[in-house]
Amino acid sequence: LAEEGINHECKLCNQMFDSPAKLLCHLIEHSFEGMGGTFKCPVCFTVFVQANKLQQHIFAVHGQEDKIYDCSQCPQKFFFQTELQVCF
């Protein structure tokens, strides 16, 4: 999820975003499709009604060590399986 100002494409649905933060928020929404419109933190299980609030919470409260999904193709770790799916 590189630089601002460059188009960032969701590899799951091909939608385009103008920042990596917006793409990440979109990937969080993919993670919770069909879950009734709530977004649960995968680390502490706090529930949010907006994906961007969950995203803000994760960046403010949880660090690299809390990421639960390891990529088998590179050393990156992720909070959400959808991030892992678009890594490779």
PDB file of N, CA and C in Angstrom:
ATOM      1  N   LEU A   1       0.858  -1.186   0.000  1.00  0.00           N
ATOM      2  CA  LEU A   1       0.000   0.000   0.000  1.00  0.00           C
ATOM      3  C   LEU A   1       0.894   1.236   0.000  1.00  0.00           C
ATOM      4  N   ALA A   2       1.341   1.612  -1.131  1.00  0.00           N
ATOM      5  CA  ALA A   2       2.406   2.606  -1.279  1.00  0.00           C
ATOM      6  C   ALA A   2       1.949   4.047  -1.123  1.00  0.00           C
ATOM      7  N   GLU A   3       2.177   4.867  -2.109  1.00  0.00           N
ATOM      8  CA  GLU A   3       2.099   6.320  -1.997  1.00  0.00           C
ATOM      9  C   GLU A   3       0.718   6.928  -2.235  1.00  0.00           C
ATOM     10  N   GLU A   4       0.546   8.124  -1.656  1.00  0.00           N
ATOM     11  CA  GLU A   4      -0.649   8.930  -1.904  1.00  0.00           C
ATOM     12  C   GLU A   4      -0.605   9.464  -3.334  1.00  0.00           C
ATOM     13  N   GLY A   5      -1.769   9.759  -3.920  1.00  0.00           N
ATOM     14  CA  GLY A   5      -1.832  10.373  -5.223  1.00  0.00           C
ATOM     15  C   GLY A   5      -1.743   9.404  -6.388  1.00  0.00           C
ATOM     16  N   ILE A   6      -1.378   8.189  -6.104  1.00  0.00           N
ATOM     17  CA  ILE A   6      -1.315   7.156  -7.143  1.00  0.00           C
ATOM     18  C   ILE A   6      -2.582   6.327  -6.985  1.00  0.00           C
ATOM     19  N   ASN A   7      -3.127   5.855  -8.086  1.00  0.00           N
ATOM     20  CA  ASN A   7      -4.310   5.014  -7.979  1.00  0.00           C
ATOM     21  C   ASN A   7      -3.947   3.670  -7.367  1.00  0.00           C
ATOM     22  N   HIS A   8      -4.730   3.269  -6.377  1.00  0.00           N
ATOM     23  CA  HIS A   8      -4.535   2.009  -5.675  1.00  0.00           C
ATOM     24  C   HIS A   8      -5.749   1.146  -5.958  1.00  0.00           C
ATOM     25  N   GLU A   9      -5.526  -0.012  -6.532  1.00  0.00           N
ATOM     26  CA  GLU A   9      -6.619  -0.874  -6.960  1.00  0.00           C
ATOM     27  C   GLU A   9      -6.855  -2.001  -5.969  1.00  0.00           C
ATOM     28  N   CYS A  10      -8.117  -2.235  -5.659  1.00  0.00           N
ATOM     29  CA  CYS A  10      -8.499  -3.389  -4.853  1.00  0.00           C
ATOM     30  C   CYS A  10      -8.415  -4.617  -5.751  1.00  0.00           C
ATOM     31  N   LYS A  11      -7.580  -5.575  -5.375  1.00  0.00           N
ATOM     32  CA  LYS A  11      -7.419  -6.785  -6.175  1.00  0.00           C
ATOM     33  C   LYS A  11      -8.588  -7.748  -6.012  1.00  0.00           C
ATOM     34  N   LEU A  12      -9.485  -7.439  -5.082  1.00  0.00           N
ATOM     35  CA  LEU A  12     -10.655  -8.288  -4.877  1.00  0.00           C
ATOM     36  C   LEU A  12     -11.823  -7.888  -5.759  1.00  0.00           C
ATOM     37  N   CYS A  13     -11.980  -6.558  -6.025  1.00  0.00           N
ATOM     38  CA  CYS A  13     -13.134  -6.105  -6.808  1.00  0.00           C
ATOM     39  C   CYS A  13     -12.768  -5.099  -7.905  1.00  0.00           C
ATOM     40  N   ASN A  14     -11.483  -4.749  -8.020  1.00  0.00           N
ATOM     41  CA  ASN A  14     -10.969  -3.821  -9.038  1.00  0.00           C
ATOM     42  C   ASN A  14     -11.368  -2.363  -8.840  1.00  0.00           C
ATOM     43  N   GLN A  15     -11.953  -2.017  -7.702  1.00  0.00           N
ATOM     44  CA  GLN A  15     -12.277  -0.618  -7.432  1.00  0.00           C
ATOM     45  C   GLN A  15     -10.979   0.146  -7.180  1.00  0.00           C
ATOM     46  N   MET A  16     -10.926   1.428  -7.605  1.00  0.00           N
ATOM     47  CA  MET A  16      -9.724   2.248  -7.487  1.00  0.00           C
ATOM     48  C   MET A  16      -9.865   3.263  -6.350  1.00  0.00           C
ATOM     49  N   PHE A  17      -8.733   3.552  -5.689  1.00  0.00           N
ATOM     50  CA  PHE A  17      -8.688   4.516  -4.586  1.00  0.00           C
ATOM     51  C   PHE A  17      -7.490   5.421  -4.768  1.00  0.00           C
ATOM     52  N   ASP A  18      -7.593   6.671  -4.275  1.00  0.00           N
ATOM     53  CA  ASP A  18      -6.511   7.635  -4.477  1.00  0.00           C
ATOM     54  C   ASP A  18      -5.520   7.691  -3.321  1.00  0.00           C
ATOM     55  N   SER A  19      -5.675   6.812  -2.325  1.00  0.00           N
ATOM     56  CA  SER A  19      -4.699   6.764  -1.232  1.00  0.00           C
ATOM     57  C   SER A  19      -4.664   5.347  -0.657  1.00  0.00           C
ATOM     58  N   PRO A  20      -3.532   4.977  -0.072  1.00  0.00           N
ATOM     59  CA  PRO A  20      -3.446   3.658   0.549  1.00  0.00           C
ATOM     60  C   PRO A  20      -4.379   3.525   1.747  1.00  0.00           C
ATOM     61  N   ALA A  21      -4.631   4.622   2.462  1.00  0.00           N
ATOM     62  CA  ALA A  21      -5.530   4.578   3.613  1.00  0.00           C
ATOM     63  C   ALA A  21      -6.967   4.264   3.185  1.00  0.00           C
ATOM     64  N   LYS A  22      -7.389   4.845   2.073  1.00  0.00           N
ATOM     65  CA  LYS A  22      -8.745   4.579   1.570  1.00  0.00           C
ATOM     66  C   LYS A  22      -8.869   3.135   1.087  1.00  0.00           C
ATOM     67  N   LEU A  23      -7.815   2.625   0.462  1.00  0.00           N
ATOM     68  CA  LEU A  23      -7.830   1.225   0.045  1.00  0.00           C
ATOM     69  C   LEU A  23      -7.895   0.314   1.262  1.00  0.00           C
ATOM     70  N   LEU A  24      -7.130   0.610   2.297  1.00  0.00           N
ATOM     71  CA  LEU A  24      -7.158  -0.216   3.502  1.00  0.00           C
ATOM     72  C   LEU A  24      -8.542  -0.208   4.141  1.00  0.00           C
ATOM     73  N   CYS A  25      -9.164   0.942   4.212  1.00  0.00           N
ATOM     74  CA  CYS A  25     -10.517   1.027   4.762  1.00  0.00           C
ATOM     75  C   CYS A  25     -11.476   0.171   3.935  1.00  0.00           C
ATOM     76  N   HIS A  26     -11.320   0.214   2.631  1.00  0.00           N
ATOM     77  CA  HIS A  26     -12.139  -0.599   1.734  1.00  0.00           C
ATOM     78  C   HIS A  26     -11.898  -2.089   1.990  1.00  0.00           C
ATOM     79  N   LEU A  27     -10.647  -2.480   2.198  1.00  0.00           N
ATOM     80  CA  LEU A  27     -10.335  -3.889   2.478  1.00  0.00           C
ATOM     81  C   LEU A  27     -10.948  -4.339   3.799  1.00  0.00           C
ATOM     82  N   ILE A  28     -10.987  -3.439   4.763  1.00  0.00           N
ATOM     83  CA  ILE A  28     -11.663  -3.747   6.033  1.00  0.00           C
ATOM     84  C   ILE A  28     -13.142  -4.019   5.765  1.00  0.00           C
ATOM     85  N   GLU A  29     -13.757  -3.199   4.909  1.00  0.00           N
ATOM     86  CA  GLU A  29     -15.167  -3.415   4.571  1.00  0.00           C
ATOM     87  C   GLU A  29     -15.362  -4.778   3.913  1.00  0.00           C
ATOM     88  N   HIS A  30     -14.441  -5.171   3.023  1.00  0.00           N
ATOM     89  CA  HIS A  30     -14.515  -6.512   2.430  1.00  0.00           C
ATOM     90  C   HIS A  30     -14.461  -7.587   3.519  1.00  0.00           C
ATOM     91  N   SER A  31     -13.635  -7.375   4.527  1.00  0.00           N
ATOM     92  CA  SER A  31     -13.466  -8.361   5.601  1.00  0.00           C
ATOM     93  C   SER A  31     -14.756  -8.625   6.361  1.00  0.00           C
ATOM     94  N   PHE A  32     -15.628  -7.627   6.407  1.00  0.00           N
ATOM     95  CA  PHE A  32     -16.837  -7.742   7.220  1.00  0.00           C
ATOM     96  C   PHE A  32     -18.119  -7.800   6.393  1.00  0.00           C
ATOM     97  N   GLU A  33     -18.019  -8.111   5.096  1.00  0.00           N
ATOM     98  CA  GLU A  33     -19.218  -8.225   4.259  1.00  0.00           C
ATOM     99  C   GLU A  33     -20.150  -9.283   4.840  1.00  0.00           C
ATOM    100  N   GLY A  34     -21.438  -8.959   4.888  1.00  0.00           N
ATOM    101  CA  GLY A  34     -22.428  -9.902   5.392  1.00  0.00           C
ATOM    102  C   GLY A  34     -22.445 -10.055   6.898  1.00  0.00           C
ATOM    103  N   MET A  35     -21.799  -9.136   7.625  1.00  0.00           N
ATOM    104  CA  MET A  35     -21.714  -9.230   9.076  1.00  0.00           C
ATOM    105  C   MET A  35     -22.628  -8.229   9.784  1.00  0.00           C
ATOM    106  N   GLY A  36     -23.606  -7.704   9.095  1.00  0.00           N
ATOM    107  CA  GLY A  36     -24.575  -6.825   9.731  1.00  0.00           C
ATOM    108  C   GLY A  36     -24.130  -5.384   9.903  1.00  0.00           C
ATOM    109  N   GLY A  37     -23.111  -4.948   9.199  1.00  0.00           N
ATOM    110  CA  GLY A  37     -22.716  -3.549   9.243  1.00  0.00           C
ATOM    111  C   GLY A  37     -21.879  -3.154  10.441  1.00  0.00           C
ATOM    112  N   THR A  38     -21.334  -4.095  11.184  1.00  0.00           N
ATOM    113  CA  THR A  38     -20.437  -3.767  12.286  1.00  0.00           C
ATOM    114  C   THR A  38     -19.041  -4.292  11.973  1.00  0.00           C
ATOM    115  N   PHE A  39     -18.056  -3.672  12.611  1.00  0.00           N
ATOM    116  CA  PHE A  39     -16.661  -3.981  12.347  1.00  0.00           C
ATOM    117  C   PHE A  39     -15.967  -4.252  13.682  1.00  0.00           C
ATOM    118  N   LYS A  40     -15.518  -5.478  13.890  1.00  0.00           N
ATOM    119  CA  LYS A  40     -14.922  -5.893  15.160  1.00  0.00           C
ATOM    120  C   LYS A  40     -13.402  -5.932  15.045  1.00  0.00           C
ATOM    121  N   CYS A  41     -12.732  -5.312  15.995  1.00  0.00           N
ATOM    122  CA  CYS A  41     -11.274  -5.334  16.030  1.00  0.00           C
ATOM    123  C   CYS A  41     -10.807  -6.779  16.202  1.00  0.00           C
ATOM    124  N   PRO A  42      -9.900  -7.248  15.330  1.00  0.00           N
ATOM    125  CA  PRO A  42      -9.438  -8.626  15.421  1.00  0.00           C
ATOM    126  C   PRO A  42      -8.498  -8.877  16.602  1.00  0.00           C
ATOM    127  N   VAL A  43      -8.087  -7.821  17.285  1.00  0.00           N
ATOM    128  CA  VAL A  43      -7.158  -7.964  18.404  1.00  0.00           C
ATOM    129  C   VAL A  43      -7.882  -7.907  19.749  1.00  0.00           C
ATOM    130  N   CYS A  44      -8.663  -6.846  19.962  1.00  0.00           N
ATOM    131  CA  CYS A  44      -9.316  -6.663  21.272  1.00  0.00           C
ATOM    132  C   CYS A  44     -10.829  -6.827  21.218  1.00  0.00           C
ATOM    133  N   PHE A  45     -11.365  -7.035  20.018  1.00  0.00           N
ATOM    134  CA  PHE A  45     -12.783  -7.316  19.795  1.00  0.00           C
ATOM    135  C   PHE A  45     -13.731  -6.147  20.064  1.00  0.00           C
ATOM    136  N   THR A  46     -13.193  -4.924  20.147  1.00  0.00           N
ATOM    137  CA  THR A  46     -14.044  -3.739  20.232  1.00  0.00           C
ATOM    138  C   THR A  46     -14.812  -3.616  18.922  1.00  0.00           C
ATOM    139  N   VAL A  47     -16.098  -3.256  19.012  1.00  0.00           N
ATOM    140  CA  VAL A  47     -16.962  -3.190  17.835  1.00  0.00           C
ATOM    141  C   VAL A  47     -17.185  -1.738  17.424  1.00  0.00           C
ATOM    142  N   PHE A  48     -17.133  -1.504  16.109  1.00  0.00           N
ATOM    143  CA  PHE A  48     -17.350  -0.178  15.528  1.00  0.00           C
ATOM    144  C   PHE A  48     -18.440  -0.272  14.478  1.00  0.00           C
ATOM    145  N   VAL A  49     -19.110   0.855  14.208  1.00  0.00           N
ATOM    146  CA  VAL A  49     -20.152   0.865  13.189  1.00  0.00           C
ATOM    147  C   VAL A  49     -19.647   1.418  11.862  1.00  0.00           C
ATOM    148  N   GLN A  50     -18.399   1.906  11.838  1.00  0.00           N
ATOM    149  CA  GLN A  50     -17.791   2.399  10.605  1.00  0.00           C
ATOM    150  C   GLN A  50     -16.401   1.785  10.455  1.00  0.00           C
ATOM    151  N   ALA A  51     -16.089   1.367   9.226  1.00  0.00           N
ATOM    152  CA  ALA A  51     -14.782   0.758   8.956  1.00  0.00           C
ATOM    153  C   ALA A  51     -13.645   1.728   9.248  1.00  0.00           C
ATOM    154  N   ASN A  52     -13.832   3.016   8.933  1.00  0.00           N
ATOM    155  CA  ASN A  52     -12.750   3.974   9.166  1.00  0.00           C
ATOM    156  C   ASN A  52     -12.476   4.177  10.653  1.00  0.00           C
ATOM    157  N   LYS A  53     -13.483   3.998  11.498  1.00  0.00           N
ATOM    158  CA  LYS A  53     -13.271   4.107  12.951  1.00  0.00           C
ATOM    159  C   LYS A  53     -12.462   2.920  13.453  1.00  0.00           C
ATOM    160  N   LEU A  54     -12.724   1.742  12.912  1.00  0.00           N
ATOM    161  CA  LEU A  54     -11.912   0.572  13.252  1.00  0.00           C
ATOM    162  C   LEU A  54     -10.475   0.788  12.790  1.00  0.00           C
ATOM    163  N   GLN A  55     -10.310   1.314  11.592  1.00  0.00           N
ATOM    164  CA  GLN A  55      -8.979   1.587  11.060  1.00  0.00           C
ATOM    165  C   GLN A  55      -8.227   2.564  11.974  1.00  0.00           C
ATOM    166  N   GLN A  56      -8.880   3.640  12.387  1.00  0.00           N
ATOM    167  CA  GLN A  56      -8.260   4.611  13.289  1.00  0.00           C
ATOM    168  C   GLN A  56      -7.886   3.962  14.611  1.00  0.00           C
ATOM    169  N   HIS A  57      -8.771   3.134  15.136  1.00  0.00           N
ATOM    170  CA  HIS A  57      -8.526   2.423  16.394  1.00  0.00           C
ATOM    171  C   HIS A  57      -7.287   1.540  16.288  1.00  0.00           C
ATOM    172  N   ILE A  58      -7.193   0.768  15.216  1.00  0.00           N
ATOM    173  CA  ILE A  58      -6.064  -0.145  15.044  1.00  0.00           C
ATOM    174  C   ILE A  58      -4.752   0.625  14.998  1.00  0.00           C
ATOM    175  N   PHE A  59      -4.700   1.721  14.244  1.00  0.00           N
ATOM    176  CA  PHE A  59      -3.471   2.502  14.152  1.00  0.00           C
ATOM    177  C   PHE A  59      -3.115   3.175  15.475  1.00  0.00           C
ATOM    178  N   ALA A  60      -4.125   3.574  16.254  1.00  0.00           N
ATOM    179  CA  ALA A  60      -3.871   4.273  17.511  1.00  0.00           C
ATOM    180  C   ALA A  60      -3.533   3.327  18.667  1.00  0.00           C
ATOM    181  N   VAL A  61      -4.109   2.129  18.665  1.00  0.00           N
ATOM    182  CA  VAL A  61      -4.014   1.253  19.833  1.00  0.00           C
ATOM    183  C   VAL A  61      -3.109   0.044  19.640  1.00  0.00           C
ATOM    184  N   HIS A  62      -3.108  -0.528  18.458  1.00  0.00           N
ATOM    185  CA  HIS A  62      -2.395  -1.781  18.227  1.00  0.00           C
ATOM    186  C   HIS A  62      -1.168  -1.580  17.334  1.00  0.00           C
ATOM    187  N   GLY A  63      -0.132  -2.343  17.590  1.00  0.00           N
ATOM    188  CA  GLY A  63       1.105  -2.216  16.834  1.00  0.00           C
ATOM    189  C   GLY A  63       1.390  -3.429  15.965  1.00  0.00           C
ATOM    190  N   GLN A  64       2.547  -3.401  15.333  1.00  0.00           N
ATOM    191  CA  GLN A  64       2.985  -4.468  14.439  1.00  0.00           C
ATOM    192  C   GLN A  64       2.877  -5.844  15.090  1.00  0.00           C
ATOM    193  N   GLU A  65       3.215  -5.910  16.368  1.00  0.00           N
ATOM    194  CA  GLU A  65       3.217  -7.200  17.066  1.00  0.00           C
ATOM    195  C   GLU A  65       1.821  -7.811  17.201  1.00  0.00           C
ATOM    196  N   ASP A  66       0.786  -6.996  17.008  1.00  0.00           N
ATOM    197  CA  ASP A  66      -0.594  -7.484  17.124  1.00  0.00           C
ATOM    198  C   ASP A  66      -1.153  -8.036  15.821  1.00  0.00           C
ATOM    199  N   LYS A  67      -0.419  -7.869  14.725  1.00  0.00           N
ATOM    200  CA  LYS A  67      -0.913  -8.358  13.428  1.00  0.00           C
ATOM    201  C   LYS A  67      -0.946  -9.884  13.452  1.00  0.00           C
ATOM    202  N   ILE A  68      -2.054 -10.466  12.979  1.00  0.00           N
ATOM    203  CA  ILE A  68      -2.264 -11.900  13.149  1.00  0.00           C
ATOM    204  C   ILE A  68      -2.099 -12.728  11.888  1.00  0.00           C
ATOM    205  N   TYR A  69      -2.061 -12.090  10.719  1.00  0.00           N
ATOM    206  CA  TYR A  69      -1.934 -12.839   9.465  1.00  0.00           C
ATOM    207  C   TYR A  69      -0.536 -12.660   8.878  1.00  0.00           C
ATOM    208  N   ASP A  70       0.202 -13.766   8.741  1.00  0.00           N
ATOM    209  CA  ASP A  70       1.546 -13.757   8.163  1.00  0.00           C
ATOM    210  C   ASP A  70       1.472 -14.134   6.691  1.00  0.00           C
ATOM    211  N   CYS A  71       2.155 -13.361   5.852  1.00  0.00           N
ATOM    212  CA  CYS A  71       2.238 -13.683   4.432  1.00  0.00           C
ATOM    213  C   CYS A  71       3.286 -14.778   4.240  1.00  0.00           C
ATOM    214  N   SER A  72       2.939 -15.792   3.472  1.00  0.00           N
ATOM    215  CA  SER A  72       3.882 -16.879   3.202  1.00  0.00           C
ATOM    216  C   SER A  72       4.844 -16.530   2.074  1.00  0.00           C
ATOM    217  N   GLN A  73       4.586 -15.414   1.373  1.00  0.00           N
ATOM    218  CA  GLN A  73       5.398 -15.006   0.229  1.00  0.00           C
ATOM    219  C   GLN A  73       6.405 -13.895   0.562  1.00  0.00           C
ATOM    220  N   CYS A  74       6.198 -13.206   1.684  1.00  0.00           N
ATOM    221  CA  CYS A  74       7.074 -12.098   2.074  1.00  0.00           C
ATOM    222  C   CYS A  74       7.017 -11.949   3.588  1.00  0.00           C
ATOM    223  N   PRO A  75       7.828 -11.072   4.174  1.00  0.00           N
ATOM    224  CA  PRO A  75       7.845 -10.942   5.642  1.00  0.00           C
ATOM    225  C   PRO A  75       6.714 -10.090   6.239  1.00  0.00           C
ATOM    226  N   GLN A  76       5.781  -9.627   5.424  1.00  0.00           N
ATOM    227  CA  GLN A  76       4.722  -8.750   5.934  1.00  0.00           C
ATOM    228  C   GLN A  76       3.719  -9.508   6.799  1.00  0.00           C
ATOM    229  N   LYS A  77       3.117  -8.765   7.733  1.00  0.00           N
ATOM    230  CA  LYS A  77       2.038  -9.269   8.584  1.00  0.00           C
ATOM    231  C   LYS A  77       0.870  -8.295   8.470  1.00  0.00           C
ATOM    232  N   PHE A  78      -0.345  -8.807   8.705  1.00  0.00           N
ATOM    233  CA  PHE A  78      -1.536  -7.995   8.511  1.00  0.00           C
ATOM    234  C   PHE A  78      -2.552  -8.223   9.622  1.00  0.00           C
ATOM    235  N   PHE A  79      -3.453  -7.247   9.796  1.00  0.00           N
ATOM    236  CA  PHE A  79      -4.556  -7.384  10.746  1.00  0.00           C
ATOM    237  C   PHE A  79      -5.732  -8.144  10.135  1.00  0.00           C
ATOM    238  N   PHE A  80      -5.895  -8.043   8.804  1.00  0.00           N
ATOM    239  CA  PHE A  80      -7.070  -8.615   8.152  1.00  0.00           C
ATOM    240  C   PHE A  80      -6.677  -9.579   7.049  1.00  0.00           C
ATOM    241  N   GLN A  81      -7.460 -10.634   6.905  1.00  0.00           N
ATOM    242  CA  GLN A  81      -7.189 -11.624   5.877  1.00  0.00           C
ATOM    243  C   GLN A  81      -7.288 -11.021   4.472  1.00  0.00           C
ATOM    244  N   THR A  82      -8.152 -10.033   4.295  1.00  0.00           N
ATOM    245  CA  THR A  82      -8.270  -9.407   2.972  1.00  0.00           C
ATOM    246  C   THR A  82      -6.993  -8.684   2.587  1.00  0.00           C
ATOM    247  N   GLU A  83      -6.274  -8.106   3.568  1.00  0.00           N
ATOM    248  CA  GLU A  83      -4.975  -7.493   3.274  1.00  0.00           C
ATOM    249  C   GLU A  83      -4.000  -8.563   2.784  1.00  0.00           C
ATOM    250  N   LEU A  84      -4.038  -9.691   3.435  1.00  0.00           N
ATOM    251  CA  LEU A  84      -3.172 -10.805   3.052  1.00  0.00           C
ATOM    252  C   LEU A  84      -3.502 -11.286   1.642  1.00  0.00           C
ATOM    253  N   GLN A  85      -4.771 -11.336   1.309  1.00  0.00           N
ATOM    254  CA  GLN A  85      -5.194 -11.796  -0.017  1.00  0.00           C
ATOM    255  C   GLN A  85      -4.680 -10.900  -1.138  1.00  0.00           C
ATOM    256  N   VAL A  86      -4.515  -9.616  -0.877  1.00  0.00           N
ATOM    257  CA  VAL A  86      -4.050  -8.709  -1.925  1.00  0.00           C
ATOM    258  C   VAL A  86      -2.535  -8.524  -1.899  1.00  0.00           C
ATOM    259  N   CYS A  87      -1.869  -9.164  -0.966  1.00  0.00           N
ATOM    260  CA  CYS A  87      -0.418  -9.032  -0.856  1.00  0.00           C
ATOM    261  C   CYS A  87       0.294  -9.730  -2.015  1.00  0.00           C
ATOM    262  N   PHE A  88      -0.221 -10.870  -2.433  1.00  0.00           N
ATOM    263  CA  PHE A  88       0.470 -11.640  -3.477  1.00  0.00           C
ATOM    264  C   PHE A  88      -0.356 -11.815  -4.697  1.00  0.00           C
TER     265      PHE A  88
END
